[in-house]
Protein backbone atom coordinates (compact mmCIF):
# COMPACT_ATOMS: atom_id res chain seq x y z
CA MET A 1 39.53 -26.12 87.73
CA THR A 2 38.99 -27.87 85.09
CA THR A 3 36.83 -30.86 84.54
CA PRO A 4 38.76 -33.95 83.03
CA ALA A 5 36.34 -34.87 79.59
CA VAL A 6 34.57 -38.48 80.65
CA THR A 7 34.67 -41.34 77.64
CA LEU A 8 31.50 -42.65 78.44
CA PRO A 9 30.95 -46.32 77.20
CA ASP A 10 28.52 -47.09 74.17
CA ALA A 11 25.19 -48.36 75.64
CA LEU A 12 23.75 -51.77 74.45
CA THR A 13 21.73 -50.46 71.89
CA THR A 14 24.53 -47.85 70.51
CA LEU A 15 25.07 -49.49 66.94
CA THR A 16 27.60 -48.72 64.74
CA GLU A 17 27.63 -47.66 61.31
CA ASP A 18 27.82 -50.88 59.69
CA GLU A 19 25.04 -52.55 62.36
CA ARG A 20 22.72 -49.82 61.26
CA LEU A 21 22.76 -49.83 57.77
CA LEU A 22 22.55 -53.72 58.21
CA ARG A 23 19.52 -53.14 60.26
CA GLN A 24 18.05 -50.43 57.76
CA SER A 25 18.56 -52.84 54.45
CA VAL A 26 16.94 -55.49 55.82
CA ARG A 27 13.89 -54.02 57.53
CA GLU A 28 13.49 -52.32 54.22
CA TYR A 29 14.09 -56.01 52.41
CA ALA A 30 11.41 -57.11 55.00
CA ALA A 31 8.80 -54.29 54.48
CA GLN A 32 9.04 -54.54 50.78
CA GLU A 33 9.87 -58.82 50.50
CA LEU A 34 8.23 -60.15 52.87
CA ALA A 35 5.65 -58.51 54.46
CA PRO A 36 3.43 -58.97 50.91
CA ARG A 37 4.41 -62.75 51.27
CA ALA A 38 3.88 -63.94 55.00
CA ARG A 39 0.09 -64.43 54.46
CA ALA A 40 0.19 -67.03 52.01
CA MET A 41 3.44 -68.53 52.78
CA ASP A 42 1.57 -69.21 56.60
CA GLU A 43 -1.67 -70.20 55.15
CA ALA A 44 0.35 -72.56 52.58
CA ALA A 45 2.34 -74.00 55.54
CA ARG A 46 5.54 -73.27 53.12
CA MET A 47 8.23 -70.77 52.23
CA ASP A 48 8.36 -68.91 48.74
CA PRO A 49 11.21 -70.60 47.13
CA ALA A 50 11.43 -66.96 45.41
CA LEU A 51 11.92 -65.24 48.99
CA VAL A 52 14.74 -67.93 49.84
CA SER A 53 16.79 -67.11 47.09
CA SER A 54 16.34 -63.59 47.81
CA LEU A 55 17.56 -64.40 51.32
CA PHE A 56 20.76 -65.72 49.85
CA ALA A 57 21.09 -62.71 47.30
CA MET A 58 20.91 -60.43 50.08
CA GLY A 59 23.55 -61.94 51.58
CA LEU A 60 21.49 -63.23 54.81
CA MET A 61 22.12 -66.97 54.65
CA GLY A 62 26.05 -66.65 55.06
CA ILE A 63 26.49 -63.52 57.65
CA GLU A 64 29.58 -65.08 59.66
CA VAL A 65 30.94 -66.95 56.94
CA PRO A 66 34.09 -65.21 55.61
CA GLU A 67 34.43 -63.38 52.81
CA ARG A 68 37.28 -65.77 51.54
CA LEU A 69 34.49 -68.63 51.57
CA GLY A 70 31.99 -66.43 49.92
CA GLY A 71 29.98 -64.92 52.95
CA GLN A 72 29.59 -61.70 54.68
CA GLY A 73 32.17 -61.81 56.97
CA GLY A 74 30.10 -60.36 59.61
CA THR A 75 29.64 -60.78 63.51
CA PHE A 76 27.49 -62.94 65.89
CA PHE A 77 25.16 -59.76 66.53
CA HIS A 78 24.88 -59.05 62.93
CA SER A 79 22.92 -62.29 62.61
CA VAL A 80 20.92 -61.11 65.84
CA LEU A 81 20.09 -58.26 64.28
CA VAL A 82 18.98 -59.76 60.77
CA VAL A 83 17.02 -62.31 62.75
CA GLU A 84 15.18 -59.73 64.74
CA GLU A 85 14.16 -57.43 61.87
CA LEU A 86 12.91 -60.08 59.72
CA SER A 87 10.64 -61.75 62.93
CA ARG A 88 9.12 -58.13 62.89
CA VAL A 89 7.09 -59.23 60.11
CA ASP A 90 7.42 -63.15 60.00
CA PRO A 91 9.29 -65.21 62.61
CA SER A 92 9.00 -67.91 60.34
CA VAL A 93 11.83 -66.79 57.59
CA GLY A 94 13.48 -65.24 61.46
CA VAL A 95 14.35 -68.60 62.24
CA LEU A 96 14.79 -70.22 59.05
CA VAL A 97 17.93 -67.93 59.17
CA ASP A 98 18.47 -68.15 62.35
CA VAL A 99 19.15 -72.12 62.40
CA GLN A 100 21.22 -71.38 59.22
CA ASN A 101 23.50 -68.58 60.64
CA THR A 102 24.02 -69.25 64.82
CA LEU A 103 23.54 -73.01 64.92
CA VAL A 104 24.67 -74.55 61.44
CA ILE A 105 26.73 -72.12 60.37
CA ASN A 106 28.11 -71.62 63.37
CA ALA A 107 28.87 -75.16 64.29
CA LEU A 108 30.80 -75.09 60.93
CA LEU A 109 33.20 -72.35 62.22
CA ARG A 110 33.51 -74.19 65.10
CA TRP A 111 33.78 -77.41 64.70
CA ALA A 112 34.64 -78.18 61.22
CA SER A 113 38.12 -79.39 59.33
CA ASP A 114 39.37 -77.25 56.85
CA ASP A 115 38.14 -79.42 53.99
CA GLN A 116 34.65 -79.69 55.38
CA GLN A 117 34.61 -75.64 55.81
CA ARG A 118 35.89 -75.75 52.21
CA GLU A 119 33.02 -77.93 50.65
CA TRP A 120 30.25 -76.21 52.65
CA LEU A 121 30.84 -73.00 54.26
CA PRO A 122 30.40 -71.58 50.54
CA ARG A 123 27.30 -73.46 49.49
CA LEU A 124 25.48 -72.84 52.75
CA ALA A 125 26.41 -68.65 51.94
CA GLY A 126 25.41 -68.81 48.31
CA GLU A 127 22.41 -71.40 47.83
CA ALA A 128 22.28 -74.53 50.39
CA ILE A 129 19.70 -74.27 53.76
CA GLY A 130 21.50 -76.23 56.58
CA ALA A 131 19.25 -78.30 59.48
CA TYR A 132 20.22 -79.04 62.80
CA ALA A 133 19.27 -82.51 63.72
CA LEU A 134 19.28 -83.07 67.52
CA SER A 135 15.81 -84.02 68.52
CA GLU A 136 13.97 -87.02 68.96
CA ALA A 137 11.01 -88.51 70.14
CA GLY A 138 12.33 -89.31 73.69
CA SER A 139 15.53 -86.99 73.54
CA GLY A 140 13.84 -83.54 73.99
CA SER A 141 14.73 -81.42 76.95
CA ASP A 142 16.83 -84.26 77.81
CA ALA A 143 18.88 -83.48 74.68
CA PHE A 144 21.11 -86.40 75.11
CA ALA A 145 19.14 -89.64 75.44
CA LEU A 146 19.69 -90.46 71.98
CA THR A 147 18.41 -93.73 70.41
CA THR A 148 19.92 -92.44 66.60
CA ARG A 149 22.78 -94.98 66.20
CA ALA A 150 26.09 -94.59 64.42
CA VAL A 151 28.17 -97.73 64.22
CA ARG A 152 31.39 -97.91 62.63
CA ASP A 153 32.22 -99.77 59.35
CA GLY A 154 35.30 -100.04 57.78
CA ASP A 155 35.91 -96.29 56.74
CA SER A 156 32.32 -94.93 57.01
CA TYR A 157 29.21 -95.23 59.99
CA VAL A 158 26.24 -96.70 59.52
CA LEU A 159 23.33 -94.40 61.30
CA ASP A 160 19.87 -95.74 62.03
CA GLY A 161 17.19 -93.92 63.80
CA ARG A 162 15.08 -90.99 63.46
CA LYS A 163 14.72 -87.73 64.60
CA LEU A 164 11.87 -85.21 65.01
CA TRP A 165 11.33 -81.59 65.01
CA ILE A 166 13.90 -80.09 62.86
CA THR A 167 13.54 -77.05 61.53
CA ASN A 168 14.40 -76.37 57.36
CA GLY A 169 13.74 -80.25 57.38
CA ALA A 170 11.80 -79.78 54.36
CA GLU A 171 14.58 -77.39 52.46
CA ALA A 172 17.84 -78.39 53.82
CA GLU A 173 20.56 -79.79 51.99
CA LEU A 174 22.88 -80.51 54.96
CA PHE A 175 22.31 -81.90 58.37
CA ILE A 176 24.11 -81.61 61.27
CA VAL A 177 23.09 -84.94 62.74
CA PHE A 178 23.60 -85.98 66.52
CA ALA A 179 23.96 -89.83 66.96
CA THR A 180 25.56 -92.38 69.66
CA VAL A 181 28.21 -94.29 68.73
CA ASP A 182 28.37 -96.31 71.90
CA PRO A 183 25.53 -95.83 74.62
CA ALA A 184 26.93 -97.48 77.04
CA ALA A 185 29.15 -94.52 77.44
CA GLY A 186 26.15 -91.66 77.50
CA TYR A 187 26.71 -88.22 76.75
CA ARG A 188 30.36 -89.30 76.04
CA GLY A 189 28.87 -91.43 72.87
CA ILE A 190 27.42 -88.67 70.75
CA THR A 191 28.88 -87.86 67.77
CA ALA A 192 28.22 -85.35 65.44
CA PHE A 193 27.66 -86.09 61.72
CA LEU A 194 27.67 -84.04 58.29
CA VAL A 195 24.74 -85.98 56.26
CA PRO A 196 23.99 -84.48 52.74
CA ARG A 197 20.16 -84.60 51.75
CA ASP A 198 21.48 -87.11 48.80
CA THR A 199 22.75 -89.88 51.30
CA PRO A 200 21.31 -93.16 50.73
CA GLY A 201 19.62 -94.25 53.61
CA PHE A 202 18.45 -91.03 54.80
CA ALA A 203 15.12 -89.54 54.07
CA VAL A 204 12.67 -86.28 55.09
CA GLY A 205 9.53 -88.18 56.18
CA LYS A 206 6.67 -86.53 57.80
CA LYS A 207 5.63 -82.82 57.71
CA GLU A 208 4.74 -81.24 61.20
CA ASP A 209 1.06 -79.27 60.55
CA LYS A 210 1.88 -76.64 63.51
CA LEU A 211 0.13 -73.99 65.12
CA GLY A 212 2.32 -71.18 64.21
CA ILE A 213 5.88 -70.52 62.28
CA ARG A 214 3.76 -72.25 59.88
CA ALA A 215 5.99 -71.35 56.76
CA SER A 216 9.26 -72.75 58.85
CA SER A 217 8.98 -76.08 58.00
CA THR A 218 9.52 -78.66 60.69
CA CYS A 219 10.09 -82.27 60.05
CA GLU A 220 10.74 -86.07 60.80
CA LEU A 221 14.26 -87.47 59.33
CA VAL A 222 14.33 -91.17 59.07
CA PHE A 223 18.08 -93.10 58.88
CA GLU A 224 17.85 -96.94 57.53
CA SER A 225 21.08 -98.33 56.75
CA CYS A 226 22.72 -94.60 56.35
CA ARG A 227 26.13 -94.98 55.53
CA VAL A 228 28.18 -91.82 56.26
CA PRO A 229 31.87 -91.48 55.20
CA ALA A 230 34.14 -91.21 58.51
CA SER A 231 35.44 -87.79 56.76
CA HIS A 232 32.10 -86.37 57.80
CA VAL A 233 32.13 -86.22 61.69
CA LEU A 234 31.94 -83.17 62.99
CA GLY A 235 34.60 -82.18 65.49
CA ASP A 236 35.72 -85.85 67.71
CA VAL A 237 33.94 -89.01 67.90
CA GLY A 238 32.54 -88.97 71.08
CA LYS A 239 32.23 -85.03 71.58
CA GLY A 240 28.97 -84.74 69.59
CA TYR A 241 27.82 -83.50 73.01
CA LYS A 242 30.21 -80.27 73.17
CA VAL A 243 28.71 -79.31 69.69
CA ALA A 244 25.72 -79.55 70.69
CA ILE A 245 25.70 -77.62 73.93
CA GLU A 246 28.42 -75.19 72.79
CA THR A 247 26.04 -74.33 69.46
CA LEU A 248 22.63 -74.77 71.51
CA ASN A 249 23.82 -72.15 74.10
CA GLU A 250 24.45 -69.12 71.25
CA GLY A 251 20.94 -70.55 68.87
CA ARG A 252 19.14 -69.27 71.96
CA ILE A 253 20.23 -66.04 71.67
CA GLY A 254 18.89 -66.41 67.98
CA ILE A 255 15.36 -67.49 69.53
CA GLY A 256 15.34 -64.55 72.30
CA ALA A 257 16.23 -62.28 68.51
CA GLN A 258 13.12 -64.11 66.88
CA MET A 259 10.94 -63.14 69.77
CA LEU A 260 12.40 -59.81 70.06
CA GLY A 261 11.48 -58.58 66.68
CA LEU A 262 8.12 -60.84 67.43
CA ALA A 263 7.04 -58.80 70.13
CA GLN A 264 8.44 -55.51 68.79
CA GLY A 265 6.02 -56.48 65.74
CA ALA A 266 2.76 -56.76 67.30
CA LEU A 267 3.78 -53.51 69.47
CA ASP A 268 4.27 -51.44 66.10
CA HIS A 269 0.72 -52.77 64.80
CA ALA A 270 -0.93 -52.46 68.27
CA VAL A 271 0.51 -48.11 68.02
CA ARG A 272 -0.73 -47.79 64.56
CA TYR A 273 -3.82 -49.12 64.96
CA THR A 274 -4.82 -47.60 68.06
CA LYS A 275 -4.25 -44.33 66.56
CA THR A 276 -6.77 -44.33 63.95
CA ARG A 277 -9.61 -46.89 65.72
CA THR A 278 -11.91 -44.03 67.42
CA GLN A 279 -14.08 -45.23 70.17
CA PHE A 280 -16.92 -42.77 71.63
CA GLY A 281 -15.68 -40.13 69.47
CA LYS A 282 -11.97 -40.55 69.46
CA ALA A 283 -9.18 -42.46 68.54
CA ILE A 284 -8.56 -45.34 71.75
CA ALA A 285 -5.24 -44.11 71.60
CA ASP A 286 -6.05 -41.12 73.26
CA PHE A 287 -7.68 -43.33 76.44
CA GLN A 288 -5.31 -43.31 79.24
CA GLY A 289 -6.08 -47.12 80.11
CA VAL A 290 -5.12 -47.87 76.45
CA GLN A 291 -1.79 -45.30 76.91
CA PHE A 292 -0.58 -47.23 80.00
CA GLN A 293 -1.32 -50.86 78.53
CA LEU A 294 1.55 -49.95 75.58
CA ALA A 295 3.72 -48.16 77.92
CA ARG A 296 4.17 -51.02 79.78
CA ALA A 297 4.74 -53.19 76.28
CA ALA A 298 6.84 -50.74 75.04
CA MET A 299 9.11 -50.98 78.12
CA GLU A 300 8.86 -54.52 78.29
CA VAL A 301 10.46 -54.81 74.77
CA GLU A 302 13.40 -51.98 75.18
CA SER A 303 14.26 -54.28 78.23
CA THR A 304 14.43 -57.42 76.49
CA ARG A 305 16.07 -55.96 73.78
CA LEU A 306 18.64 -55.05 76.38
CA LEU A 307 19.08 -58.19 77.30
CA VAL A 308 19.27 -59.81 73.83
CA TYR A 309 21.70 -57.45 72.70
CA ASN A 310 23.74 -58.14 75.93
CA ALA A 311 24.31 -61.60 75.49
CA ALA A 312 25.16 -61.26 71.95
CA ARG A 313 27.67 -58.55 72.53
CA LEU A 314 29.53 -60.99 74.90
CA ARG A 315 29.45 -63.53 72.63
CA ASP A 316 31.08 -61.57 70.14
CA ALA A 317 33.42 -60.63 73.29
CA LYS A 318 34.47 -64.23 73.89
CA LEU A 319 33.64 -63.44 77.17
CA PRO A 320 30.70 -65.96 79.45
CA PHE A 321 27.59 -65.72 78.50
CA LEU A 322 25.39 -69.15 79.22
CA THR A 323 23.18 -67.42 81.98
CA GLU A 324 22.59 -64.00 79.70
CA ALA A 325 21.91 -67.01 76.81
CA ALA A 326 18.76 -68.25 79.19
CA MET A 327 17.90 -65.34 80.62
CA CYS A 328 17.12 -63.17 77.42
CA LYS A 329 15.82 -66.51 75.93
CA LEU A 330 13.31 -66.88 78.66
CA GLN A 331 12.32 -63.34 79.16
CA ALA A 332 11.92 -62.64 75.07
CA SER A 333 9.33 -65.56 74.86
CA GLU A 334 7.15 -64.14 77.87
CA VAL A 335 7.30 -60.81 76.40
CA ALA A 336 6.76 -62.10 72.64
CA GLU A 337 2.94 -63.97 73.53
CA ARG A 338 2.05 -61.26 76.34
CA THR A 339 2.90 -58.66 73.75
CA ALA A 340 1.29 -60.44 70.30
CA SER A 341 -1.74 -61.20 73.06
CA LEU A 342 -2.26 -57.54 73.76
CA ALA A 343 -2.08 -56.46 70.53
CA ILE A 344 -5.04 -58.82 69.67
CA ASN A 345 -7.05 -57.24 72.67
CA LEU A 346 -6.44 -53.53 71.59
CA PHE A 347 -7.14 -54.54 67.52
CA GLY A 348 -10.60 -55.94 69.35
CA GLY A 349 -12.53 -58.55 66.90
CA TYR A 350 -10.41 -57.68 64.22
CA GLY A 351 -7.29 -58.87 65.93
CA PHE A 352 -9.21 -62.31 66.24
CA VAL A 353 -9.31 -63.06 62.44
CA LYS A 354 -6.88 -63.32 59.96
CA ASP A 355 -6.96 -59.77 57.96
CA ALA A 356 -4.97 -58.74 60.83
CA PRO A 357 -1.69 -59.38 61.11
CA VAL A 358 -1.57 -60.02 65.07
CA GLU A 359 -3.21 -62.85 65.01
CA LYS A 360 -1.02 -64.45 62.75
CA LEU A 361 2.01 -63.08 65.37
CA TYR A 362 -0.02 -64.72 68.31
CA ARG A 363 0.05 -68.25 67.07
CA ASP A 364 4.08 -67.43 66.45
CA ALA A 365 4.52 -66.88 69.99
CA LYS A 366 3.95 -69.64 71.63
CA ILE A 367 6.88 -71.92 70.26
CA GLY A 368 9.32 -69.83 72.10
CA GLN A 369 8.73 -71.08 75.09
CA ILE A 370 9.23 -74.17 73.78
CA TYR A 371 12.01 -74.63 71.29
CA GLU A 372 16.20 -74.52 71.39
CA GLY A 373 15.21 -74.94 75.93
CA THR A 374 11.86 -74.91 77.07
CA SER A 375 11.64 -72.01 79.66
CA ASN A 376 11.59 -74.28 82.99
CA LEU A 377 15.54 -75.71 81.70
CA GLN A 378 16.44 -71.84 81.21
CA LEU A 379 15.14 -71.02 84.73
CA GLN A 380 17.07 -74.33 86.08
CA THR A 381 20.31 -72.77 83.70
CA ILE A 382 19.70 -69.14 85.69
CA ALA A 383 19.22 -70.79 88.91
CA ARG A 384 22.10 -73.09 89.04
CA ALA A 385 24.28 -69.99 87.84
CA LEU A 386 22.53 -68.00 90.85
CA LEU A 387 23.04 -70.46 93.82
CA ALA A 388 26.88 -71.64 92.82
């Protein structure tokens, strides 16, 4: 009797040929172009303009933009792979590319009109950086407690208010800004607007001096009688909450990819160092205590990769992914911090100084538990699904 052949589904980490080529090209790019700049950018708290230009030249700033509009015509999973690989070397660059692709461009692909897409997607793919402006001083985890107002005046809206913690704020040419057209309507008054940097009444304010991801700019935005044409509304008036929720759910997978890349980078550094650092006449990697720590870290990193890839694959398959996105973001942020901390421990005193790359990765890791939904918010999302 002949046993029938069984076709097994691909593993989550099995990559197609184009995915493998993309990962390899970005890995080589990060080693050649990004690694030599990472420390200087961190110390200057500034993104190297030449590096930004090379990101556009590589096609990494418009991954899902259709080819007819100047992009790569790729998938969400492609964006996740790119963010992961860049973040292995410098999570600051990882989040620059992440916000561009998983927040700004995804919002435009889903909600923008044909005219808005034709105007902005080619620019975002070729030269312009985008930013996503939701947070305010009193509106962080309570994302829709917005005080920024948008008042209709003829064929325009007049925006007044301030935004805080806006990633890419120093470099962006286009801002997706959330404001309320009717405070009495609560979240149903929130509307999203496309605001170009040169709009009168709009200014980029204070740039924050941060613990980690220092090359990534985080800025205040100021709106004082900022007049925006009604044609710049993104989606429908009063439906900005839908734009925000649906985009942020995807963005959390991107942050999961960023933290995954960071964790893998820290583990890679730790493995290399323990093979060369000698104590008591042998490499410290030969000590079982060190081996067990590395093994556990490798297990955590790989389990994180499975969560991130699963969430990204679900999103591309147009299947529900809300809970999986929360899981991957929460797991990745915690594993990144633990793995970077372990790397410093294994480096010893050398790991505590800026000559070693793991010091920077440790500082970079902390933000993963804060932005695009705190760890408590991710736990709440998971618990609601579990108990529904």
